[in-house]
Amino acid sequence: MFQNLDVFRTAMAMARHAGTQQAYSAQNIANADTPGYRARALPEFRDTLRDSMMGQRATREKHLNGSNGRDVDIRERRDMLDPNGNSVSLEEEMVNAAGAKRQHDRALAIYRSNLSILRASLGRG
């Protein structure tokens, strides 16, 4: 029932994006001293949402055309910060991790709010 409502799908996609960004931030921090390691990051959620809203969108895995929103381009930071070729900035990763937490909390708030509205409209609130 909830899978067909766009607001719930968007909130779940936002939470999934935040979790993936948090995982990349943790991986980048863990490899902060690895020579030659390139920091990885996801594009902003609004960019991935805008790309998935444009054009065709698949609703099932078996559809031939369109995207089901799971294809996200991972960016590598190419700017060299350390003499050993590592591009991880701990300060930037901490900011990214805090942003991912805020995004996840926002997604949960959107989900809860719309669930309350849905329950109230069904008379179960």
Protein backbone atom coordinates (compact mmCIF):
# COMPACT_ATOMS: atom_id res chain seq x y z
CA MET A 1 0.00 0.00 0.00
CA PHE A 2 2.69 2.53 0.97
CA GLN A 3 4.97 1.62 -1.95
CA ASN A 4 2.59 3.27 -4.43
CA LEU A 5 2.58 6.68 -2.72
CA ASP A 6 5.26 8.95 -4.14
CA VAL A 7 5.88 10.81 -0.91
CA PHE A 8 6.77 7.58 0.89
CA ARG A 9 8.92 6.43 -2.02
CA THR A 10 10.75 9.77 -2.01
CA ALA A 11 11.28 9.65 1.75
CA MET A 12 12.66 6.10 1.49
CA ALA A 13 14.95 7.15 -1.37
CA MET A 14 16.19 10.11 0.68
CA ALA A 15 16.90 7.87 3.69
CA ARG A 16 18.68 5.33 1.46
CA HIS A 17 20.77 8.11 -0.13
CA ALA A 18 21.71 9.44 3.31
CA GLY A 19 22.74 5.97 4.48
CA THR A 20 24.88 5.44 1.41
CA GLN A 21 26.53 8.84 1.84
CA GLN A 22 27.22 8.01 5.49
CA ALA A 23 28.85 4.74 4.43
CA TYR A 24 31.07 6.54 1.92
CA SER A 25 32.07 9.11 4.53
CA ALA A 26 33.01 6.31 6.94
CA GLN A 27 35.00 4.54 4.23
CA ASN A 28 36.79 7.77 3.33
CA ILE A 29 37.65 8.48 6.96
CA ALA A 30 38.93 4.93 7.41
CA ASN A 31 41.24 5.41 4.42
CA ALA A 32 42.43 8.90 5.34
CA ASP A 33 46.05 7.72 5.58
CA THR A 34 46.03 5.28 2.66
CA PRO A 35 48.44 6.47 -0.05
CA GLY A 36 46.76 7.15 -3.38
CA TYR A 37 43.21 6.70 -2.04
CA ARG A 38 40.60 8.89 -3.74
CA ALA A 39 37.70 10.05 -1.60
CA ARG A 40 34.32 8.99 -2.95
CA ALA A 41 31.01 10.81 -2.63
CA LEU A 42 27.49 10.73 -3.98
CA PRO A 43 25.89 13.61 -5.84
CA GLU A 44 23.33 15.67 -3.95
CA PHE A 45 19.98 13.97 -3.41
CA ARG A 46 18.11 16.68 -5.31
CA ASP A 47 20.28 16.00 -8.37
CA THR A 48 19.64 12.26 -8.24
CA LEU A 49 15.93 12.85 -7.69
CA ARG A 50 15.77 15.33 -10.56
CA ASP A 51 17.53 12.85 -12.87
CA SER A 52 15.17 10.05 -11.90
CA MET A 53 12.09 12.24 -12.40
CA MET A 54 13.15 13.23 -15.91
CA GLY A 55 12.37 10.79 -18.68
CA GLN A 56 11.02 7.30 -18.22
CA ARG A 57 10.94 5.57 -14.89
CA ALA A 58 10.70 1.83 -14.37
CA THR A 59 8.35 0.53 -11.71
CA ARG A 60 9.54 -3.08 -11.88
CA GLU A 61 12.92 -4.71 -12.39
CA LYS A 62 11.74 -6.46 -15.57
CA HIS A 63 10.91 -3.24 -17.43
CA LEU A 64 13.20 -2.67 -20.39
CA ASN A 65 13.21 1.14 -20.48
CA GLY A 66 13.65 3.61 -17.73
CA SER A 67 15.46 3.63 -14.47
CA ASN A 68 14.25 2.46 -11.10
CA GLY A 69 16.31 5.15 -9.35
CA ARG A 70 19.11 2.88 -8.19
CA ASP A 71 21.72 4.04 -10.70
CA VAL A 72 23.76 6.78 -9.04
CA ASP A 73 27.09 8.05 -10.29
CA ILE A 74 29.73 7.90 -7.60
CA ARG A 75 32.14 10.81 -7.75
CA GLU A 76 35.82 10.59 -6.90
CA ARG A 77 37.51 13.69 -5.62
CA ARG A 78 40.56 14.30 -7.78
CA ASP A 79 42.10 17.21 -5.94
CA MET A 80 45.33 16.17 -4.25
CA LEU A 81 45.49 17.26 -0.64
CA ASP A 82 48.33 15.14 0.70
CA PRO A 83 51.80 14.55 -0.73
CA ASN A 84 51.03 10.80 -0.85
CA GLY A 85 48.18 11.33 -3.34
CA ASN A 86 45.33 10.91 -0.84
CA SER A 87 42.33 13.18 -1.47
CA VAL A 88 40.50 12.70 1.85
CA SER A 89 39.80 15.81 3.91
CA LEU A 90 38.71 14.81 7.41
CA GLU A 91 36.97 18.14 7.94
CA GLU A 92 34.98 17.74 4.73
CA GLU A 93 34.07 14.16 5.63
CA MET A 94 32.80 15.22 9.05
CA VAL A 95 30.63 17.89 7.39
CA ASN A 96 29.35 15.29 4.88
CA ALA A 97 28.57 12.82 7.67
CA ALA A 98 26.66 15.47 9.63
CA GLY A 99 24.77 16.43 6.48
CA ALA A 100 23.88 12.79 5.85
CA LYS A 101 22.51 12.49 9.39
CA ARG A 102 20.40 15.61 8.93
CA GLN A 103 19.12 14.28 5.61
CA HIS A 104 18.23 10.93 7.20
CA ASP A 105 16.42 12.66 10.08
CA ARG A 106 14.53 14.81 7.56
CA ALA A 107 13.48 11.72 5.60
CA LEU A 108 12.19 10.07 8.78
CA ALA A 109 10.28 13.23 9.74
CA ILE A 110 8.66 13.37 6.29
CA TYR A 111 7.75 9.70 6.54
CA ARG A 112 6.27 10.04 10.04
CA SER A 113 4.35 13.20 9.18
CA ASN A 114 2.77 11.70 6.09
CA LEU A 115 2.01 8.48 7.92
CA SER A 116 0.15 10.51 10.55
CA ILE A 117 -1.80 12.30 7.81
CA LEU A 118 -2.64 8.99 6.16
CA ARG A 119 -3.78 7.47 9.45
CA ALA A 120 -5.93 10.51 10.24
CA SER A 121 -7.54 10.36 6.82
CA LEU A 122 -8.39 6.70 7.38
CA GLY A 123 -9.83 7.48 10.82
CA ARG A 124 -7.16 5.48 12.70
CA GLY A 125 -5.23 8.40 14.08
